Protein backbone atom coordinates (compact mmCIF):
# COMPACT_ATOMS: atom_id res chain seq x y z
CA MET A 1 -3.35 17.05 1.06
CA ALA A 2 -4.02 14.21 3.17
CA MET A 3 -1.95 10.86 2.69
CA GLN A 4 -4.23 7.85 1.68
CA THR A 5 -2.25 6.25 4.35
CA GLU A 6 -3.61 8.86 6.78
CA SER A 7 -7.16 8.84 5.49
CA ARG A 8 -8.53 5.27 6.12
CA ASP A 9 -11.06 4.44 8.56
CA ALA A 10 -9.39 3.17 11.22
CA LYS A 11 -11.97 0.62 12.50
CA LYS A 12 -11.85 -1.06 9.03
CA LEU A 13 -8.48 -1.42 8.93
CA HIS A 14 -7.39 -2.93 11.88
CA ALA A 15 -10.82 -4.90 11.39
CA GLU A 16 -9.19 -6.82 8.47
CA ARG A 17 -6.38 -7.05 10.37
CA ALA A 18 -8.29 -9.28 12.98
CA HIS A 19 -7.05 -12.85 12.21
CA SER A 20 -3.09 -11.54 12.35
CA TYR A 21 -3.71 -10.20 15.69
CA ALA A 22 -5.59 -13.56 17.11
CA SER A 23 -2.61 -15.51 15.97
CA VAL A 24 -0.21 -13.39 17.65
CA GLU A 25 -2.32 -13.19 20.77
CA GLU A 26 -2.15 -17.43 20.81
CA GLN A 27 1.09 -17.51 20.20
CA HIS A 28 2.18 -14.77 22.54
CA ARG A 29 0.37 -16.41 25.29
CA LYS A 30 2.38 -19.49 25.38
CA TYR A 31 5.31 -17.40 26.70
CA ILE A 32 3.40 -16.15 29.51
CA ASP A 33 3.44 -17.45 33.47
CA PRO A 34 -0.46 -17.77 33.93
CA LYS A 35 -0.05 -17.62 37.59
CA SER A 36 2.57 -13.98 37.54
CA GLU A 37 0.90 -13.02 33.83
CA ARG A 38 4.93 -12.32 32.93
CA ILE A 39 6.87 -13.52 30.20
CA TRP A 40 8.46 -16.76 31.78
CA SER A 41 11.80 -15.94 33.24
CA HIS A 42 13.64 -18.72 31.30
CA PHE A 43 12.87 -17.01 27.88
CA VAL A 44 14.08 -13.44 29.21
CA GLU A 45 17.46 -11.95 30.13
CA ASN A 46 18.28 -8.00 31.67
CA ARG A 47 20.21 -6.06 29.71
CA ARG A 48 21.68 -2.55 29.54
CA CYS A 49 20.16 0.31 27.33
CA PRO A 50 20.82 -1.05 23.84
CA VAL A 51 21.99 2.40 22.52
CA CYS A 52 24.33 3.79 25.03
CA ASP A 53 24.96 0.65 27.05
CA SER A 54 23.55 2.55 30.59
CA GLU A 55 22.23 1.08 33.43
CA LYS A 56 19.81 3.77 34.27
CA SER A 57 16.53 3.86 33.40
CA LEU A 58 13.07 4.77 33.94
CA HIS A 59 9.64 2.33 34.34
CA VAL A 60 7.78 3.37 31.50
CA LEU A 61 4.58 0.88 31.87
CA ASP A 62 3.96 -3.07 31.76
CA LYS A 63 1.72 -5.10 29.04
CA ARG A 64 1.39 -8.02 28.05
CA GLY A 65 4.07 -9.79 30.47
CA GLY A 66 6.40 -7.46 29.37
CA THR A 67 8.26 -4.06 30.76
CA TYR A 68 9.08 -1.14 28.99
CA VAL A 69 11.81 1.01 30.65
CA LYS A 70 13.37 4.47 29.27
CA CYS A 71 17.31 4.97 29.56
CA SER A 72 17.96 7.93 31.77
CA GLU A 73 21.12 8.83 29.62
CA CYS A 74 19.84 8.67 26.00
CA THR A 75 15.80 8.32 26.33
CA MET A 76 16.11 4.89 24.62
CA VAL A 77 13.06 2.97 25.23
CA TYR A 78 13.14 -0.90 25.06
CA THR A 79 11.99 -4.26 26.72
CA ASN A 80 13.94 -5.06 29.97
CA PRO A 81 13.89 -8.07 30.66
CA VAL A 82 14.23 -8.71 26.93
CA ALA A 83 13.66 -11.94 24.96
CA THR A 84 16.64 -13.97 24.41
CA ASP A 85 17.80 -14.92 20.79
CA GLU A 86 16.20 -18.31 21.13
CA ALA A 87 12.96 -17.48 22.17
CA LEU A 88 12.87 -15.08 19.69
CA LYS A 89 13.87 -17.28 16.86
CA LYS A 90 11.65 -20.04 18.08
CA TYR A 91 8.21 -17.33 18.88
CA TYR A 92 8.87 -16.25 15.00
CA GLY A 93 9.21 -19.97 13.55
CA GLU A 94 6.22 -20.93 15.58
CA LEU A 95 4.30 -17.46 14.17
CA ASP A 96 1.46 -17.57 11.79
CA THR A 97 0.71 -14.18 11.50
CA LYS A 98 -0.49 -14.44 7.62
CA GLN A 99 1.41 -11.21 6.71
CA GLY A 100 1.69 -11.51 2.96
CA GLU A 101 -2.31 -11.92 3.20
CA ILE A 102 -2.50 -8.75 5.25
CA VAL A 103 -0.11 -6.82 2.61
CA GLN A 104 -2.38 -7.81 -0.56
CA ASN A 105 -5.62 -7.12 1.28
CA GLU A 106 -4.49 -3.75 2.05
CA SER A 107 -2.30 -3.18 -1.36
CA PRO A 108 -3.12 0.38 -1.65
CA PHE A 109 -2.00 1.25 1.72
CA TYR A 110 0.76 -0.78 1.32
CA LYS A 111 1.97 0.51 -2.28
CA GLU A 112 1.60 4.39 -1.16
CA ILE A 113 4.07 3.79 1.64
CA TYR A 114 6.27 1.76 -0.12
CA SER A 115 6.37 3.86 -3.02
CA MET A 116 7.08 6.68 -0.56
CA GLY A 117 10.19 4.62 0.75
CA LEU A 118 11.71 4.16 -2.70
CA ALA A 119 11.19 7.68 -3.31
CA ALA A 120 13.16 8.28 -0.27
CA ILE A 121 15.84 6.00 -1.57
CA GLY A 122 15.63 7.13 -5.56
CA ARG A 123 16.86 10.70 -3.95
CA PHE A 124 20.39 9.00 -3.45
CA LYS A 125 20.30 5.52 -5.12
CA LYS A 126 18.41 5.20 -8.48
CA SER A 127 18.99 1.72 -9.08
CA GLY A 128 20.86 -1.11 -8.64
CA ALA A 129 20.66 -4.30 -6.25
CA LEU A 130 18.32 -3.92 -3.50
CA LEU A 131 17.87 -6.30 -0.68
CA ASP A 132 14.80 -6.34 1.43
CA ILE A 133 15.12 -8.03 4.83
CA GLY A 134 12.07 -9.60 6.03
CA CYS A 135 10.44 -9.62 2.78
CA SER A 136 7.65 -12.33 3.34
CA THR A 137 5.97 -12.83 -0.25
CA GLY A 138 7.68 -10.10 -1.82
CA PHE A 139 4.98 -7.21 -2.68
CA PHE A 140 7.49 -4.78 -1.86
CA LEU A 141 9.99 -6.81 -3.74
CA ASP A 142 7.00 -6.54 -6.33
CA ILE A 143 7.26 -2.33 -6.76
CA ALA A 144 11.10 -2.36 -6.54
CA ARG A 145 11.33 -4.68 -9.84
CA ALA A 146 8.53 -2.90 -11.41
CA GLN A 147 11.05 0.48 -10.63
CA LYS A 148 14.06 -1.49 -12.27
CA TRP A 149 15.42 -2.52 -9.33
CA ASP A 150 17.23 -6.09 -9.21
CA THR A 151 15.38 -7.56 -6.21
CA TYR A 152 17.08 -10.22 -3.34
CA GLY A 153 15.04 -10.66 -0.19
CA VAL A 154 15.72 -12.36 3.34
CA GLU A 155 13.02 -14.11 4.62
CA PRO A 156 13.31 -16.76 7.49
CA GLY A 157 9.98 -18.09 6.70
CA ALA A 158 9.85 -21.37 4.33
CA ILE A 159 6.25 -20.67 3.14
CA GLU A 160 6.44 -17.13 2.25
CA ALA A 161 9.94 -17.35 0.95
CA GLU A 162 8.88 -19.77 -1.58
CA GLU A 163 5.85 -17.62 -2.46
CA CYS A 164 8.11 -14.87 -2.85
CA ARG A 165 10.68 -16.81 -5.04
CA LYS A 166 8.32 -18.29 -7.30
CA LYS A 167 8.03 -14.52 -8.51
CA GLY A 168 11.40 -14.58 -9.85
CA HIS A 169 12.95 -12.56 -6.73
CA THR A 170 16.68 -14.16 -5.24
CA LEU A 171 15.82 -15.33 -1.82
CA PHE A 172 18.18 -16.41 1.30
CA VAL A 173 15.69 -18.21 3.62
CA ASP A 174 17.51 -17.81 6.96
CA THR A 175 18.03 -14.83 9.46
CA LEU A 176 20.63 -12.24 8.33
CA GLU A 177 23.71 -13.23 10.76
CA ASN A 178 23.43 -16.99 9.26
CA ILE A 179 23.99 -16.04 5.51
CA GLN A 180 27.02 -15.38 3.60
CA PHE A 181 26.49 -12.91 1.09
CA ASP A 182 28.79 -13.75 -1.97
CA ARG A 183 27.54 -9.81 -3.07
CA THR A 184 26.85 -6.06 -1.88
CA PHE A 185 23.94 -4.13 -2.41
CA SER A 186 23.29 -0.77 -3.50
CA ALA A 187 20.01 -0.44 -1.14
CA ILE A 188 19.21 -2.49 1.60
CA THR A 189 15.46 -2.17 3.32
CA LEU A 190 14.21 -3.34 6.64
CA TRP A 191 10.31 -2.43 7.03
CA ASP A 192 8.91 -2.45 10.42
CA VAL A 193 11.88 -4.95 11.08
CA PHE A 194 14.31 -3.04 13.24
CA GLU A 195 12.62 -2.94 16.23
CA HIS A 196 12.37 -6.49 16.23
CA ILE A 197 16.11 -7.06 16.89
CA PRO A 198 17.41 -6.60 20.38
CA HIS A 199 21.03 -6.22 19.25
CA GLY A 200 20.64 -3.31 16.65
CA LYS A 201 24.53 -2.86 16.50
CA ARG A 202 25.33 -5.66 15.76
CA CYS A 203 22.42 -5.67 12.61
CA LEU A 204 23.75 -2.55 11.74
CA ASP A 205 27.41 -3.86 11.31
CA LEU A 206 25.99 -6.58 9.31
CA LEU A 207 24.64 -4.46 7.18
CA GLY A 208 27.95 -2.28 6.82
CA ASN A 209 29.51 -5.33 5.61
CA ILE A 210 27.36 -5.69 2.93
CA ILE A 211 26.53 -2.36 1.46
CA GLU A 212 28.12 -1.15 -1.34
CA PRO A 213 30.24 2.28 -1.17
CA GLY A 214 27.70 5.00 -1.31
CA GLY A 215 24.55 2.51 -1.01
CA ILE A 216 21.68 3.54 1.44
CA VAL A 217 19.77 1.62 4.48
CA PHE A 218 16.20 2.63 4.57
CA MET A 219 14.07 1.78 7.53
CA GLN A 220 10.96 1.96 8.87
CA ILE A 221 10.60 1.54 12.57
CA PRO A 222 8.00 2.30 15.18
CA ASN A 223 8.42 5.90 16.66
CA SER A 224 8.43 6.02 20.50
CA ASP A 225 8.59 10.09 20.41
CA ALA A 226 4.85 9.62 18.49
CA LEU A 227 1.87 11.46 19.81
CA ALA A 228 -0.13 8.65 19.74
CA ALA A 229 2.23 6.63 21.57
CA ARG A 230 2.79 9.18 24.58
CA MET A 231 -1.05 9.73 24.81
CA MET A 232 -2.33 6.49 24.94
CA ARG A 233 0.69 4.42 26.43
CA GLU A 234 -0.49 0.72 27.41
CA ARG A 235 -3.93 1.19 24.71
CA CYS A 236 -1.25 1.89 21.88
CA ASN A 237 -0.06 -1.12 19.96
CA MET A 238 3.12 -0.06 19.77
CA PHE A 239 3.83 -1.36 23.05
CA ASP A 240 3.30 -5.14 22.54
CA GLY A 241 5.45 -6.57 25.55
CA LEU A 242 7.86 -9.28 23.46
CA GLU A 243 8.17 -8.62 19.93
CA HIS A 244 8.96 -4.79 19.42
CA THR A 245 12.04 -4.96 21.82
CA ASN A 246 13.40 -1.79 20.75
CA LEU A 247 11.43 1.54 20.03
CA TYR A 248 13.68 4.46 18.80
CA ASN A 249 13.05 8.00 18.56
CA PRO A 250 14.47 10.56 16.23
CA GLN A 251 17.76 10.91 18.86
CA THR A 252 18.00 7.11 19.82
CA ILE A 253 18.19 5.94 15.80
CA LYS A 254 20.64 8.60 15.14
CA LEU A 255 23.13 7.90 18.09
CA ILE A 256 23.01 4.18 17.13
CA THR A 257 23.38 4.24 13.56
CA GLU A 258 26.31 6.89 13.70
CA ALA A 259 28.16 4.95 16.19
CA ARG A 260 28.23 2.31 13.76
CA GLY A 261 29.41 4.51 11.08
CA PHE A 262 26.34 5.62 8.90
CA LYS A 263 24.69 8.94 8.99
CA ILE A 264 21.20 9.87 8.59
CA VAL A 265 20.83 11.62 5.14
CA GLU A 266 16.91 11.92 5.47
CA MET A 267 14.02 10.85 8.28
CA LYS A 268 10.34 11.93 8.26
CA SER A 269 7.41 10.54 10.27
CA VAL A 270 4.51 9.14 8.52
CA ILE A 271 1.06 8.08 10.01
CA SER A 272 -0.50 10.29 12.24
CA GLU A 273 -2.72 8.10 14.24
CA ILE A 274 -5.15 11.19 14.39
CA ALA A 275 -8.44 8.84 13.93
CA VAL A 276 -6.94 6.62 16.70
CA MET A 277 -6.40 9.07 18.85
CA ASN A 278 -9.63 10.71 18.31
CA ASN A 279 -11.22 7.48 19.63
CA TYR A 280 -8.93 6.99 22.62
CA LEU A 281 -10.16 10.74 22.86
CA SER A 282 -13.96 9.60 23.01
CA TYR A 283 -13.51 7.25 24.98
CA GLU A 284 -14.01 4.59 22.33
CA ASP A 285 -12.10 1.63 21.42
CA PRO A 286 -8.61 3.54 19.61
CA TYR A 287 -8.25 0.81 16.83
CA PHE A 288 -12.44 -0.31 16.43
CA GLY A 289 -14.16 2.84 17.49
CA GLU A 290 -16.46 5.03 15.25
CA SER A 291 -14.51 8.13 14.58
CA ARG A 292 -13.34 8.56 11.27
CA TYR A 293 -10.30 10.76 10.10
CA ASP A 294 -11.96 12.40 6.97
CA THR A 295 -15.06 13.29 9.59
CA VAL A 296 -13.05 14.98 12.16
CA ALA A 297 -10.85 18.21 11.52
CA GLY A 298 -7.51 16.78 12.68
CA LEU A 299 -7.04 16.19 16.69
CA LEU A 300 -10.01 17.54 18.67
CA GLY A 301 -9.36 20.47 16.06
CA LEU A 302 -6.09 21.92 17.11
CA LEU A 303 -3.44 19.32 15.31
CA ASP A 304 -3.61 18.13 11.76
CA ASP A 305 -1.42 15.90 9.75
CA ALA A 306 1.08 18.96 8.51
CA PHE A 307 2.18 19.43 12.44
CA ILE A 308 2.23 16.16 13.54
CA HIS A 309 4.69 15.00 10.70
CA THR A 310 6.43 18.58 10.86
CA ASN A 311 7.34 17.97 14.41
CA LEU A 312 7.96 13.98 13.77
CA LEU A 313 5.38 13.05 16.09
CA GLY A 314 3.95 10.37 13.64
CA TYR A 315 3.55 6.83 14.39
CA LYS A 316 6.44 5.29 12.39
CA LEU A 317 9.75 6.64 11.43
CA GLN A 318 11.55 6.13 7.80
CA VAL A 319 14.92 7.03 7.93
CA VAL A 320 17.27 6.74 5.25
CA LEU A 321 21.17 5.96 5.99
CA GLN A 322 24.41 6.06 4.08
CA ARG A 323 27.50 4.86 5.03
CA LYS A 324 30.14 7.26 5.80
């Protein structure tokens, strides 16, 4: 049976996010040189592959002032040049996406997908202290607390952090690398966060320092192997040119996490994007077209959710890590 996350009307879903898209676009334009239509050179720096450190890469696409390349050695897809740490800190500090409102407005969608994540964690850890990195206003932490977890959050946005704190969660209002934790955690979650972090190895080292023995790190990330991304390329929202600095696939997320002392104990894909792909293949706007998933027999009647997720071709990956 199709999940609710797969059966929602794509047009309605993305229309509800119109304010967020507009806010991101307004902020994004501040970082673009209007003459070259590239990200201003003083905001970026060149780099090697963030997974295997190779200098060899193939050009994938240009979008919204940024360039994506694919590592010729390990297949990692990443932005090069990449926004500097200082530029990203400034960018996110000024960004107002009202993410908390989006989650609240789409609560059935998020409740289902968050519950899937907690169920995956629960197969290895049943309870304890849970730290959510990038927790926004705490909707995920609310669900975790209802399942008897002790809830902690990291949120650099002061307004969202305060709203989360009012719910009774313990908050750290800063970026992960600036926080001195006085405890370890049974589980750490990163919901659509890890792809925003240029230095994935450094982040994993920090997580390794604060996860208890046998603890679980759960992350949901975009999947560069997703059928939607490979089919639509520039038309796919996965490629934004600035924020999504690192786009992992099953192979590269395994390489980078194992190199930092973790092992993948579970991985699956979620969100087929069949509705979006059907729109695209019908010459409609992928995200605002008229096709509905529940009126179409899969992708052109050929591929269904089961095929996509069995082959890890969904739009996002949910990955469960355990410290070796």
